[in-house]
């Protein structure tokens, strides 16, 4: 398992909130536990106090994406480094659940966490995963959706660094909006041309008189 895989932890947490819409999906212990996915052992450590702590980490992770999206590479790295210092992990070699044809373990790197609470464990994995993604693919691969009012975070894994939206749904919505805007502009152009021609004709007629 590539360490960059863990960057999805950061995306999942950031996207539990849509500031422009005023919505927040992180309102209960159950919502926090869902973020852990298959990592049920860590999820079971979650308590009511983790809801508030998770929101704090979420704000800091969103700030990383906002800095990257705004082109401030140094700020994005500094913000992420502060999270890495506060929430350290212990990389370990693991071979569980992965076997080759001969039954031997397929060794891979695993981020083992030994936190004092569920938030510390999740934050450590999210920050480390995002750090590996950033250093492997570049800061400009961290983005925020350009389809207003959505500002969900995403990781650009396209070959030509062309991703601008968090999902196909937002991409479609943005394309439809752009198409309608072009049609409105095209519809306005004949009227403007006609009004200009009428004004010219009236001015000419007046001059001839």
N, C-alpha and C. Protein backbone atom coordinates (compact mmCIF):
# COMPACT_ATOMS: atom_id res chain seq x y z
N UNK A 1 0.84 -1.19 0.00
CA UNK A 1 0.00 0.00 0.00
C UNK A 1 0.88 1.25 0.00
N UNK A 2 0.70 2.12 -0.95
CA UNK A 2 1.49 3.33 -1.02
C UNK A 2 1.07 4.29 0.09
N UNK A 3 2.06 4.96 0.66
CA UNK A 3 1.77 5.87 1.76
C UNK A 3 0.89 7.03 1.29
N UNK A 4 1.00 7.41 0.01
CA UNK A 4 0.17 8.49 -0.51
C UNK A 4 -1.32 8.14 -0.43
N UNK A 5 -1.61 6.85 -0.31
CA UNK A 5 -3.01 6.42 -0.19
C UNK A 5 -3.70 7.10 0.99
N UNK A 6 -2.95 7.31 2.06
CA UNK A 6 -3.53 7.88 3.27
C UNK A 6 -3.96 9.33 3.11
N UNK A 7 -3.58 9.97 2.01
CA UNK A 7 -3.98 11.35 1.79
C UNK A 7 -5.49 11.46 1.67
N UNK A 8 -6.15 10.37 1.34
CA UNK A 8 -7.61 10.38 1.24
C UNK A 8 -8.25 10.65 2.59
N UNK A 9 -7.54 10.34 3.67
CA UNK A 9 -8.05 10.66 5.00
C UNK A 9 -8.27 12.16 5.13
N UNK A 10 -7.32 12.93 4.61
CA UNK A 10 -7.43 14.39 4.70
C UNK A 10 -8.61 14.91 3.88
N UNK A 11 -8.76 14.38 2.67
CA UNK A 11 -9.85 14.81 1.79
C UNK A 11 -11.20 14.50 2.41
N UNK A 12 -11.34 13.30 2.95
CA UNK A 12 -12.62 12.91 3.55
C UNK A 12 -12.99 13.84 4.70
N UNK A 13 -12.01 14.17 5.53
CA UNK A 13 -12.29 15.03 6.68
C UNK A 13 -12.64 16.44 6.23
N UNK A 14 -11.85 17.02 5.34
CA UNK A 14 -12.11 18.39 4.88
C UNK A 14 -13.49 18.51 4.27
N UNK A 15 -13.91 17.49 3.52
CA UNK A 15 -15.17 17.56 2.80
C UNK A 15 -16.40 17.22 3.63
N UNK A 16 -16.22 17.10 4.94
CA UNK A 16 -17.40 16.95 5.80
C UNK A 16 -18.07 18.29 6.03
N UNK A 17 -17.45 19.35 5.56
CA UNK A 17 -18.01 20.70 5.72
C UNK A 17 -18.03 21.41 4.38
N UNK A 18 -19.12 22.15 4.11
CA UNK A 18 -19.20 23.00 2.92
C UNK A 18 -19.49 24.42 3.40
N UNK A 19 -18.44 25.20 3.66
CA UNK A 19 -18.60 26.54 4.24
C UNK A 19 -19.53 27.45 3.45
N UNK A 20 -19.43 27.41 2.13
CA UNK A 20 -20.25 28.31 1.30
C UNK A 20 -21.74 27.98 1.41
N UNK A 21 -22.04 26.72 1.68
CA UNK A 21 -23.44 26.30 1.82
C UNK A 21 -23.88 26.31 3.29
N UNK A 22 -22.94 26.48 4.20
CA UNK A 22 -23.27 26.48 5.61
C UNK A 22 -23.65 25.13 6.15
N UNK A 23 -23.11 24.06 5.56
CA UNK A 23 -23.44 22.70 6.02
C UNK A 23 -22.23 22.06 6.70
N UNK A 24 -22.51 21.23 7.67
CA UNK A 24 -21.46 20.54 8.42
C UNK A 24 -21.94 19.14 8.74
N UNK A 25 -21.26 18.14 8.19
CA UNK A 25 -21.64 16.75 8.42
C UNK A 25 -20.97 16.13 9.62
N UNK A 26 -20.14 16.90 10.31
CA UNK A 26 -19.40 16.36 11.45
C UNK A 26 -20.08 16.80 12.74
N UNK A 27 -21.19 16.16 13.06
CA UNK A 27 -22.00 16.60 14.19
C UNK A 27 -22.21 15.52 15.25
N UNK A 28 -21.62 14.34 15.05
CA UNK A 28 -21.85 13.26 16.01
C UNK A 28 -20.66 12.31 16.03
N UNK A 29 -20.63 11.48 17.07
CA UNK A 29 -19.59 10.46 17.18
C UNK A 29 -19.68 9.49 16.00
N UNK A 30 -20.91 9.16 15.60
CA UNK A 30 -21.10 8.24 14.48
C UNK A 30 -20.50 8.79 13.20
N UNK A 31 -20.67 10.10 12.99
CA UNK A 31 -20.12 10.73 11.78
C UNK A 31 -18.59 10.66 11.79
N UNK A 32 -17.99 10.85 12.96
CA UNK A 32 -16.54 10.77 13.07
C UNK A 32 -16.07 9.34 12.79
N UNK A 33 -16.77 8.36 13.34
CA UNK A 33 -16.37 6.97 13.16
C UNK A 33 -16.43 6.55 11.70
N UNK A 34 -17.38 7.09 10.95
CA UNK A 34 -17.50 6.75 9.53
C UNK A 34 -16.27 7.17 8.73
N UNK A 35 -15.58 8.20 9.19
CA UNK A 35 -14.39 8.68 8.48
C UNK A 35 -13.27 7.65 8.48
N UNK A 36 -13.24 6.78 9.47
CA UNK A 36 -12.17 5.79 9.58
C UNK A 36 -12.31 4.66 8.58
N UNK A 37 -13.48 4.52 7.98
CA UNK A 37 -13.68 3.46 7.00
C UNK A 37 -13.50 2.09 7.62
N UNK A 38 -12.60 1.30 7.02
CA UNK A 38 -12.39 -0.08 7.49
C UNK A 38 -11.56 -0.15 8.77
N UNK A 39 -10.97 0.96 9.17
CA UNK A 39 -10.14 0.98 10.38
C UNK A 39 -11.02 1.06 11.63
N UNK A 40 -11.74 -0.02 11.90
CA UNK A 40 -12.72 0.00 12.97
C UNK A 40 -12.10 0.04 14.36
N UNK A 41 -10.89 -0.49 14.48
CA UNK A 41 -10.22 -0.46 15.79
C UNK A 41 -10.01 0.98 16.25
N UNK A 42 -9.56 1.83 15.33
CA UNK A 42 -9.38 3.24 15.67
C UNK A 42 -10.72 3.94 15.86
N UNK A 43 -11.69 3.56 15.06
CA UNK A 43 -13.00 4.20 15.15
C UNK A 43 -13.64 3.98 16.52
N UNK A 44 -13.40 2.82 17.09
CA UNK A 44 -14.02 2.49 18.38
C UNK A 44 -13.48 3.36 19.51
N UNK A 45 -12.34 3.99 19.31
CA UNK A 45 -11.78 4.85 20.36
C UNK A 45 -12.47 6.22 20.41
N UNK A 46 -13.29 6.52 19.42
CA UNK A 46 -13.91 7.84 19.31
C UNK A 46 -14.88 8.12 20.46
N UNK A 47 -14.81 9.33 21.00
CA UNK A 47 -15.72 9.78 22.05
C UNK A 47 -16.34 11.11 21.63
N UNK A 48 -17.24 11.62 22.45
CA UNK A 48 -17.89 12.90 22.15
C UNK A 48 -16.87 14.03 22.00
N UNK A 49 -15.81 13.98 22.78
CA UNK A 49 -14.80 15.05 22.73
C UNK A 49 -14.10 15.10 21.38
N UNK A 50 -14.07 13.98 20.66
CA UNK A 50 -13.39 13.94 19.37
C UNK A 50 -14.12 14.75 18.30
N UNK A 51 -15.41 14.96 18.47
CA UNK A 51 -16.16 15.73 17.46
C UNK A 51 -15.58 17.13 17.34
N UNK A 52 -15.39 17.79 18.47
CA UNK A 52 -14.81 19.14 18.46
C UNK A 52 -13.36 19.11 18.00
N UNK A 53 -12.61 18.12 18.44
CA UNK A 53 -11.20 18.03 18.05
C UNK A 53 -11.06 17.78 16.55
N UNK A 54 -11.91 16.95 16.00
CA UNK A 54 -11.88 16.68 14.57
C UNK A 54 -12.17 17.95 13.77
N UNK A 55 -13.09 18.76 14.25
CA UNK A 55 -13.41 20.01 13.54
C UNK A 55 -12.20 20.94 13.51
N UNK A 56 -11.45 20.96 14.59
CA UNK A 56 -10.25 21.80 14.65
C UNK A 56 -9.21 21.34 13.64
N UNK A 57 -8.98 20.03 13.57
CA UNK A 57 -8.02 19.48 12.61
C UNK A 57 -8.53 19.73 11.19
N UNK A 58 -9.82 19.61 10.99
CA UNK A 58 -10.42 19.85 9.67
C UNK A 58 -10.12 21.25 9.17
N UNK A 59 -10.27 22.24 10.04
CA UNK A 59 -9.99 23.63 9.66
C UNK A 59 -8.53 23.81 9.26
N UNK A 60 -7.64 23.13 9.95
CA UNK A 60 -6.21 23.26 9.64
C UNK A 60 -5.86 22.56 8.32
N UNK A 61 -6.50 21.44 8.06
CA UNK A 61 -6.27 20.75 6.80
C UNK A 61 -6.84 21.55 5.63
N UNK A 62 -8.02 22.15 5.82
CA UNK A 62 -8.59 22.98 4.76
C UNK A 62 -7.67 24.16 4.46
N UNK A 63 -7.04 24.70 5.48
CA UNK A 63 -6.11 25.82 5.27
C UNK A 63 -4.95 25.40 4.38
N UNK A 64 -4.52 24.14 4.49
CA UNK A 64 -3.46 23.63 3.62
C UNK A 64 -3.93 23.64 2.16
N UNK A 65 -5.13 23.12 1.94
CA UNK A 65 -5.68 23.09 0.58
C UNK A 65 -5.91 24.50 0.04
N UNK A 66 -6.37 25.41 0.89
CA UNK A 66 -6.61 26.79 0.45
C UNK A 66 -5.30 27.47 0.04
N UNK A 67 -4.25 27.24 0.81
CA UNK A 67 -2.94 27.82 0.48
C UNK A 67 -2.42 27.25 -0.84
N UNK A 68 -2.55 25.94 -1.01
CA UNK A 68 -2.09 25.30 -2.24
C UNK A 68 -2.91 25.78 -3.43
N UNK A 69 -4.22 25.87 -3.26
CA UNK A 69 -5.10 26.31 -4.33
C UNK A 69 -4.83 27.77 -4.71
N UNK A 70 -4.40 28.56 -3.73
CA UNK A 70 -4.11 29.96 -3.97
C UNK A 70 -2.70 30.20 -4.48
N UNK A 71 -1.93 29.14 -4.65
CA UNK A 71 -0.58 29.27 -5.19
C UNK A 71 0.49 29.59 -4.17
N UNK A 72 0.13 29.58 -2.87
CA UNK A 72 1.12 29.86 -1.84
C UNK A 72 1.74 28.55 -1.36
N UNK A 73 2.73 28.08 -2.10
CA UNK A 73 3.35 26.79 -1.85
C UNK A 73 4.01 26.73 -0.49
N UNK A 74 4.72 27.79 -0.12
CA UNK A 74 5.45 27.80 1.15
C UNK A 74 4.48 27.73 2.33
N UNK A 75 3.40 28.48 2.27
CA UNK A 75 2.42 28.45 3.36
C UNK A 75 1.80 27.07 3.49
N UNK A 76 1.45 26.45 2.37
CA UNK A 76 0.85 25.11 2.40
C UNK A 76 1.78 24.12 3.10
N UNK A 77 3.06 24.18 2.76
CA UNK A 77 4.04 23.27 3.36
C UNK A 77 4.21 23.57 4.85
N UNK A 78 4.29 24.84 5.21
CA UNK A 78 4.45 25.20 6.62
C UNK A 78 3.27 24.74 7.46
N UNK A 79 2.07 24.92 6.94
CA UNK A 79 0.87 24.49 7.66
C UNK A 79 0.86 22.98 7.83
N UNK A 80 1.26 22.27 6.80
CA UNK A 80 1.28 20.81 6.88
C UNK A 80 2.37 20.33 7.82
N UNK A 81 3.51 20.99 7.80
CA UNK A 81 4.59 20.62 8.72
C UNK A 81 4.17 20.78 10.17
N UNK A 82 3.40 21.81 10.46
CA UNK A 82 2.94 22.02 11.84
C UNK A 82 2.06 20.87 12.30
N UNK A 83 1.26 20.32 11.39
CA UNK A 83 0.42 19.17 11.73
C UNK A 83 1.28 17.92 11.94
N UNK A 84 2.29 17.76 11.10
CA UNK A 84 3.17 16.59 11.22
C UNK A 84 3.93 16.59 12.54
N UNK A 85 4.32 17.78 12.99
CA UNK A 85 5.04 17.88 14.26
C UNK A 85 4.12 17.59 15.44
N UNK A 86 2.88 18.04 15.33
CA UNK A 86 1.94 17.86 16.44
C UNK A 86 1.38 16.45 16.50
N UNK A 87 1.24 15.81 15.33
CA UNK A 87 0.64 14.47 15.28
C UNK A 87 1.58 13.50 14.56
N UNK A 88 2.60 12.99 15.26
CA UNK A 88 3.57 12.08 14.63
C UNK A 88 3.02 10.67 14.47
N UNK A 89 3.62 9.91 13.57
CA UNK A 89 3.25 8.51 13.35
C UNK A 89 4.51 7.66 13.40
N UNK A 90 4.30 6.34 13.40
CA UNK A 90 5.41 5.39 13.40
C UNK A 90 5.30 4.50 12.17
N UNK A 91 6.02 4.82 11.09
CA UNK A 91 5.97 3.96 9.90
C UNK A 91 6.49 2.56 10.22
N UNK A 92 5.78 1.55 9.75
CA UNK A 92 6.19 0.17 9.99
C UNK A 92 6.02 -0.65 8.72
N UNK A 93 6.85 -1.70 8.58
CA UNK A 93 6.70 -2.63 7.46
C UNK A 93 5.64 -3.66 7.85
N UNK A 94 4.69 -3.86 6.95
CA UNK A 94 3.59 -4.76 7.25
C UNK A 94 3.36 -5.71 6.08
N UNK A 95 2.81 -6.88 6.38
CA UNK A 95 2.50 -7.84 5.33
C UNK A 95 1.15 -8.49 5.54
N UNK A 96 0.33 -7.91 6.39
CA UNK A 96 -0.96 -8.52 6.70
C UNK A 96 -1.92 -8.42 5.53
N UNK A 97 -2.67 -9.50 5.32
CA UNK A 97 -3.73 -9.56 4.31
C UNK A 97 -3.23 -9.53 2.86
N UNK A 98 -1.93 -9.50 2.64
CA UNK A 98 -1.39 -9.47 1.28
C UNK A 98 -0.40 -10.62 1.10
N UNK A 99 -0.71 -11.55 0.19
CA UNK A 99 0.16 -12.71 -0.04
C UNK A 99 0.40 -12.89 -1.53
N UNK A 100 1.62 -13.34 -1.89
CA UNK A 100 1.90 -13.62 -3.30
C UNK A 100 1.46 -15.05 -3.62
N UNK A 101 1.77 -15.51 -4.83
CA UNK A 101 1.32 -16.85 -5.25
C UNK A 101 1.92 -17.96 -4.41
N UNK A 102 3.06 -17.71 -3.80
CA UNK A 102 3.71 -18.72 -2.96
C UNK A 102 3.29 -18.62 -1.50
N UNK A 103 2.37 -17.71 -1.22
CA UNK A 103 1.90 -17.58 0.15
C UNK A 103 2.76 -16.70 1.03
N UNK A 104 3.78 -16.08 0.44
CA UNK A 104 4.65 -15.20 1.22
C UNK A 104 4.04 -13.81 1.36
N UNK A 105 4.32 -13.12 2.45
CA UNK A 105 3.76 -11.77 2.64
C UNK A 105 4.27 -10.81 1.58
N UNK A 106 3.39 -9.94 1.12
CA UNK A 106 3.78 -8.86 0.24
C UNK A 106 4.04 -7.64 1.12
N UNK A 107 5.30 -7.42 1.42
CA UNK A 107 5.65 -6.37 2.38
C UNK A 107 5.35 -4.99 1.82
N UNK A 108 4.83 -4.15 2.66
CA UNK A 108 4.53 -2.78 2.27
C UNK A 108 4.63 -1.89 3.50
N UNK A 109 4.70 -0.58 3.27
CA UNK A 109 4.76 0.36 4.38
C UNK A 109 3.37 0.64 4.92
N UNK A 110 3.31 0.72 6.22
CA UNK A 110 2.05 0.97 6.91
C UNK A 110 2.28 2.06 7.96
N UNK A 111 1.32 2.98 8.07
CA UNK A 111 1.44 4.03 9.07
C UNK A 111 0.75 3.59 10.35
N UNK A 112 1.53 3.16 11.31
CA UNK A 112 0.98 2.73 12.59
C UNK A 112 0.90 3.93 13.52
N UNK A 113 -0.23 4.07 14.18
CA UNK A 113 -0.38 5.19 15.10
C UNK A 113 -0.61 4.67 16.51
N UNK A 114 -0.08 5.38 17.46
CA UNK A 114 -0.26 5.02 18.87
C UNK A 114 -0.73 6.26 19.63
N UNK A 115 -1.91 6.76 19.28
CA UNK A 115 -2.35 8.06 19.81
C UNK A 115 -3.02 7.95 21.17
N UNK A 116 -3.15 9.10 21.80
CA UNK A 116 -3.85 9.16 23.07
C UNK A 116 -5.36 9.25 22.86
N UNK A 117 -5.78 9.63 21.65
CA UNK A 117 -7.22 9.69 21.34
C UNK A 117 -7.42 9.49 19.85
N UNK A 118 -8.68 9.32 19.44
CA UNK A 118 -9.00 9.02 18.04
C UNK A 118 -8.59 10.16 17.11
N UNK A 119 -8.74 11.39 17.56
CA UNK A 119 -8.39 12.54 16.72
C UNK A 119 -6.91 12.55 16.38
N UNK A 120 -6.07 12.31 17.39
CA UNK A 120 -4.62 12.30 17.17
C UNK A 120 -4.23 11.23 16.16
N UNK A 121 -4.86 10.06 16.24
CA UNK A 121 -4.55 8.99 15.31
C UNK A 121 -4.95 9.33 13.89
N UNK A 122 -6.16 9.85 13.74
CA UNK A 122 -6.65 10.20 12.40
C UNK A 122 -5.83 11.34 11.81
N UNK A 123 -5.57 12.36 12.62
CA UNK A 123 -4.82 13.53 12.14
C UNK A 123 -3.41 13.14 11.71
N UNK A 124 -2.78 12.24 12.45
CA UNK A 124 -1.43 11.80 12.12
C UNK A 124 -1.40 11.12 10.75
N UNK A 125 -2.35 10.23 10.51
CA UNK A 125 -2.39 9.51 9.25
C UNK A 125 -2.75 10.45 8.10
N UNK A 126 -3.73 11.34 8.33
CA UNK A 126 -4.15 12.28 7.28
C UNK A 126 -3.00 13.21 6.89
N UNK A 127 -2.31 13.74 7.87
CA UNK A 127 -1.22 14.68 7.60
C UNK A 127 -0.05 13.99 6.90
N UNK A 128 0.31 12.80 7.35
CA UNK A 128 1.41 12.08 6.73
C UNK A 128 1.06 11.68 5.30
N UNK A 129 -0.15 11.19 5.10
CA UNK A 129 -0.57 10.82 3.75
C UNK A 129 -0.55 12.00 2.81
N UNK A 130 -1.04 13.15 3.29
CA UNK A 130 -1.05 14.36 2.46
C UNK A 130 0.36 14.83 2.17
N UNK A 131 1.24 14.68 3.14
CA UNK A 131 2.64 15.07 2.95
C UNK A 131 3.31 14.21 1.88
N UNK A 132 3.07 12.92 1.88
CA UNK A 132 3.63 12.05 0.85
C UNK A 132 3.06 12.39 -0.52
N UNK A 133 1.77 12.68 -0.57
CA UNK A 133 1.16 13.05 -1.85
C UNK A 133 1.76 14.35 -2.38
N UNK A 134 1.92 15.32 -1.48
CA UNK A 134 2.45 16.63 -1.87
C UNK A 134 3.88 16.51 -2.39
N UNK A 135 4.72 15.75 -1.69
CA UNK A 135 6.12 15.66 -2.10
C UNK A 135 6.30 14.79 -3.34
N UNK A 136 5.38 13.86 -3.57
CA UNK A 136 5.51 12.99 -4.74
C UNK A 136 4.95 13.63 -6.00
N UNK A 137 3.82 14.36 -5.86
CA UNK A 137 3.14 14.89 -7.05
C UNK A 137 3.21 16.41 -7.18
N UNK A 138 3.50 17.12 -6.09
CA UNK A 138 3.58 18.57 -6.16
C UNK A 138 2.44 19.26 -5.42
N UNK A 139 2.71 20.46 -4.93
CA UNK A 139 1.71 21.22 -4.18
C UNK A 139 0.51 21.57 -5.04
N UNK A 140 0.74 21.79 -6.34
CA UNK A 140 -0.36 22.18 -7.21
C UNK A 140 -1.34 21.06 -7.48
N UNK A 141 -1.06 19.86 -6.93
CA UNK A 141 -2.00 18.75 -7.06
C UNK A 141 -3.05 18.76 -5.95
N UNK A 142 -2.96 19.71 -5.02
CA UNK A 142 -3.97 19.87 -3.99
C UNK A 142 -4.89 21.01 -4.42
N UNK A 143 -6.17 20.72 -4.58
CA UNK A 143 -7.05 21.76 -5.10
C UNK A 143 -8.38 21.84 -4.38
N UNK A 144 -9.12 22.91 -4.68
CA UNK A 144 -10.48 23.11 -4.19
C UNK A 144 -11.38 23.28 -5.40
N UNK A 145 -12.52 22.65 -5.36
CA UNK A 145 -13.45 22.63 -6.48
C UNK A 145 -13.79 24.04 -6.96
N UNK A 146 -13.77 24.25 -8.28
CA UNK A 146 -14.04 25.55 -8.87
C UNK A 146 -15.51 25.76 -9.24
N UNK A 147 -16.36 24.78 -8.95
CA UNK A 147 -17.77 24.91 -9.27
C UNK A 147 -18.51 25.54 -8.09
N UNK A 148 -18.80 26.86 -8.15
CA UNK A 148 -19.46 27.51 -7.02
C UNK A 148 -20.87 26.95 -6.82
N UNK A 149 -21.34 26.83 -5.56
CA UNK A 149 -20.65 27.27 -4.33
C UNK A 149 -19.77 26.18 -3.71
N UNK A 150 -19.60 25.06 -4.39
CA UNK A 150 -18.80 23.97 -3.84
C UNK A 150 -17.34 24.38 -3.74
N UNK A 151 -16.72 24.03 -2.61
CA UNK A 151 -15.28 24.24 -2.43
C UNK A 151 -14.67 23.00 -1.79
N UNK A 152 -15.16 21.85 -2.22
CA UNK A 152 -14.62 20.59 -1.70
C UNK A 152 -13.17 20.41 -2.12
N UNK A 153 -12.42 19.74 -1.27
CA UNK A 153 -11.02 19.47 -1.57
C UNK A 153 -10.91 18.25 -2.48
N UNK A 154 -9.84 18.23 -3.27
CA UNK A 154 -9.57 17.07 -4.11
C UNK A 154 -8.07 16.96 -4.34
N UNK A 155 -7.64 15.77 -4.76
CA UNK A 155 -6.24 15.53 -5.11
C UNK A 155 -6.19 15.26 -6.60
N UNK A 156 -5.46 16.08 -7.33
CA UNK A 156 -5.38 15.95 -8.78
C UNK A 156 -4.38 14.86 -9.15
N UNK A 157 -4.88 13.78 -9.71
CA UNK A 157 -4.01 12.68 -10.15
C UNK A 157 -4.02 12.55 -11.67
N UNK A 158 -4.55 13.57 -12.36
CA UNK A 158 -4.59 13.52 -13.83
C UNK A 158 -3.18 13.62 -14.39
N UNK A 159 -3.00 13.09 -15.59
CA UNK A 159 -1.67 13.08 -16.19
C UNK A 159 -1.21 14.47 -16.61
N UNK A 160 -2.15 15.36 -16.93
CA UNK A 160 -1.78 16.70 -17.40
C UNK A 160 -2.10 17.82 -16.41
N UNK A 161 -2.31 17.44 -15.16
CA UNK A 161 -2.58 18.41 -14.10
C UNK A 161 -3.74 19.34 -14.46
N UNK A 162 -4.80 18.77 -14.98
CA UNK A 162 -5.91 19.58 -15.51
C UNK A 162 -7.17 19.55 -14.65
N UNK A 163 -7.15 18.81 -13.55
CA UNK A 163 -8.37 18.69 -12.76
C UNK A 163 -8.74 20.01 -12.10
N UNK A 164 -10.04 20.36 -12.13
CA UNK A 164 -10.52 21.61 -11.54
C UNK A 164 -11.72 21.40 -10.63
N UNK A 165 -12.29 20.20 -10.64
CA UNK A 165 -13.51 19.96 -9.88
C UNK A 165 -13.35 18.72 -9.00
N UNK A 166 -14.14 18.68 -7.92
CA UNK A 166 -14.01 17.58 -6.97
C UNK A 166 -14.70 16.31 -7.44
N UNK A 167 -15.62 16.44 -8.40
CA UNK A 167 -16.40 15.28 -8.84
C UNK A 167 -16.93 15.50 -10.25
N UNK A 168 -17.38 14.43 -10.88
CA UNK A 168 -18.00 14.53 -12.20
C UNK A 168 -19.27 15.38 -12.13
N UNK A 169 -19.98 15.27 -11.02
CA UNK A 169 -21.21 16.04 -10.86
C UNK A 169 -20.93 17.54 -10.92
N UNK A 170 -19.90 17.98 -10.19
CA UNK A 170 -19.56 19.41 -10.20
C UNK A 170 -19.02 19.83 -11.56
N UNK A 171 -18.27 18.97 -12.21
CA UNK A 171 -17.74 19.29 -13.53
C UNK A 171 -18.88 19.48 -14.52
N UNK A 172 -19.87 18.60 -14.46
CA UNK A 172 -21.02 18.71 -15.35
C UNK A 172 -21.80 19.98 -15.08
N UNK A 173 -22.01 20.27 -13.80
CA UNK A 173 -22.76 21.47 -13.43
C UNK A 173 -22.05 22.73 -13.92
N UNK A 174 -20.73 22.76 -13.78
CA UNK A 174 -19.96 23.93 -14.22
C UNK A 174 -20.00 24.07 -15.74
N UNK A 175 -19.91 22.95 -16.44
CA UNK A 175 -19.95 22.99 -17.89
C UNK A 175 -21.31 23.45 -18.41
N UNK A 176 -22.37 23.00 -17.76
CA UNK A 176 -23.72 23.43 -18.14
C UNK A 176 -23.89 24.92 -17.90
N UNK A 177 -23.40 25.41 -16.77
CA UNK A 177 -23.49 26.83 -16.46
C UNK A 177 -22.72 27.67 -17.48
N UNK A 178 -21.53 27.18 -17.86
CA UNK A 178 -20.72 27.90 -18.84
C UNK A 178 -21.40 27.91 -20.20
N UNK A 179 -22.03 26.78 -20.56
CA UNK A 179 -22.74 26.69 -21.84
C UNK A 179 -23.91 27.67 -21.87
N UNK A 180 -24.67 27.72 -20.79
CA UNK A 180 -25.81 28.63 -20.73
C UNK A 180 -25.37 30.09 -20.78
N UNK A 181 -24.23 30.37 -20.14
CA UNK A 181 -23.71 31.75 -20.16
C UNK A 181 -23.32 32.14 -21.58
N UNK A 182 -22.70 31.22 -22.32
CA UNK A 182 -22.33 31.51 -23.71
C UNK A 182 -23.56 31.74 -24.57
N UNK A 183 -24.60 30.93 -24.34
CA UNK A 183 -25.82 31.09 -25.11
C UNK A 183 -26.49 32.43 -24.83
N UNK A 184 -26.48 32.85 -23.59
CA UNK A 184 -27.07 34.16 -23.25
C UNK A 184 -26.28 35.28 -23.93
N UNK A 185 -24.97 35.14 -23.95
CA UNK A 185 -24.13 36.15 -24.58
C UNK A 185 -24.38 36.22 -26.08
N UNK A 186 -24.51 35.04 -26.68
CA UNK A 186 -24.79 34.99 -28.12
C UNK A 186 -26.16 35.58 -28.44
N UNK A 187 -27.13 35.33 -27.54
CA UNK A 187 -28.48 35.85 -27.77
C UNK A 187 -28.52 37.37 -27.65
N UNK A 188 -27.67 37.92 -26.83
CA UNK A 188 -27.63 39.37 -26.63
C UNK A 188 -26.93 40.09 -27.78
N UNK A 189 -26.03 39.43 -28.45
CA UNK A 189 -25.24 40.09 -29.48
C UNK A 189 -26.06 40.64 -30.64
N UNK A 190 -27.02 39.92 -31.23
CA UNK A 190 -27.82 40.48 -32.33
C UNK A 190 -28.58 41.74 -31.92
N UNK A 191 -29.13 41.75 -30.69
CA UNK A 191 -29.86 42.91 -30.21
C UNK A 191 -28.95 44.11 -30.12
N UNK A 192 -27.74 43.89 -29.60
CA UNK A 192 -26.80 44.99 -29.47
C UNK A 192 -26.40 45.51 -30.83
N UNK A 193 -26.16 44.58 -31.79
CA UNK A 193 -25.77 44.98 -33.14
C UNK A 193 -26.90 45.74 -33.82
N UNK A 194 -28.13 45.22 -33.59
CA UNK A 194 -29.28 45.88 -34.21
C UNK A 194 -29.49 47.27 -33.67
N UNK A 195 -29.35 47.44 -32.35
CA UNK A 195 -29.54 48.76 -31.75
C UNK A 195 -28.48 49.73 -32.23
N UNK A 196 -27.25 49.21 -32.40
CA UNK A 196 -26.18 50.07 -32.88
C UNK A 196 -26.43 50.52 -34.31
N UNK A 197 -26.94 49.59 -35.15
CA UNK A 197 -27.24 49.92 -36.54
C UNK A 197 -28.35 50.94 -36.63
N UNK A 198 -29.40 50.77 -35.79
CA UNK A 198 -30.50 51.72 -35.79
C UNK A 198 -30.03 53.11 -35.41
N UNK A 199 -29.17 53.19 -34.42
CA UNK A 199 -28.64 54.49 -33.98
C UNK A 199 -27.85 55.15 -35.07
N UNK A 200 -27.07 54.34 -35.80
CA UNK A 200 -26.26 54.87 -36.91
C UNK A 200 -27.15 55.41 -38.02
N UNK A 201 -28.21 54.64 -38.34
CA UNK A 201 -29.12 55.07 -39.39
C UNK A 201 -29.84 56.36 -39.03
N UNK A 202 -30.28 56.47 -37.78
CA UNK A 202 -30.99 57.65 -37.35
C UNK A 202 -30.06 58.87 -37.39
N UNK A 203 -28.80 58.67 -36.97
CA UNK A 203 -27.85 59.77 -36.98
C UNK A 203 -27.55 60.22 -38.42
N UNK A 204 -27.48 59.27 -39.33
CA UNK A 204 -27.22 59.60 -40.74
C UNK A 204 -28.37 60.37 -41.35
N UNK A 205 -29.58 59.90 -41.06
CA UNK A 205 -30.79 60.55 -41.60
C UNK A 205 -30.90 61.97 -41.07
N UNK A 206 -30.59 62.14 -39.80
CA UNK A 206 -30.66 63.47 -39.20
C UNK A 206 -29.65 64.40 -39.84
N UNK A 207 -28.46 63.87 -40.14
CA UNK A 207 -27.42 64.69 -40.76
C UNK A 207 -27.80 65.10 -42.16
N UNK A 208 -28.46 64.23 -42.88
CA UNK A 208 -28.85 64.53 -44.26
C UNK A 208 -29.92 65.61 -44.31
N UNK A 209 -30.78 65.64 -43.26
CA UNK A 209 -31.80 66.68 -43.24
C UNK A 209 -31.16 68.01 -42.94
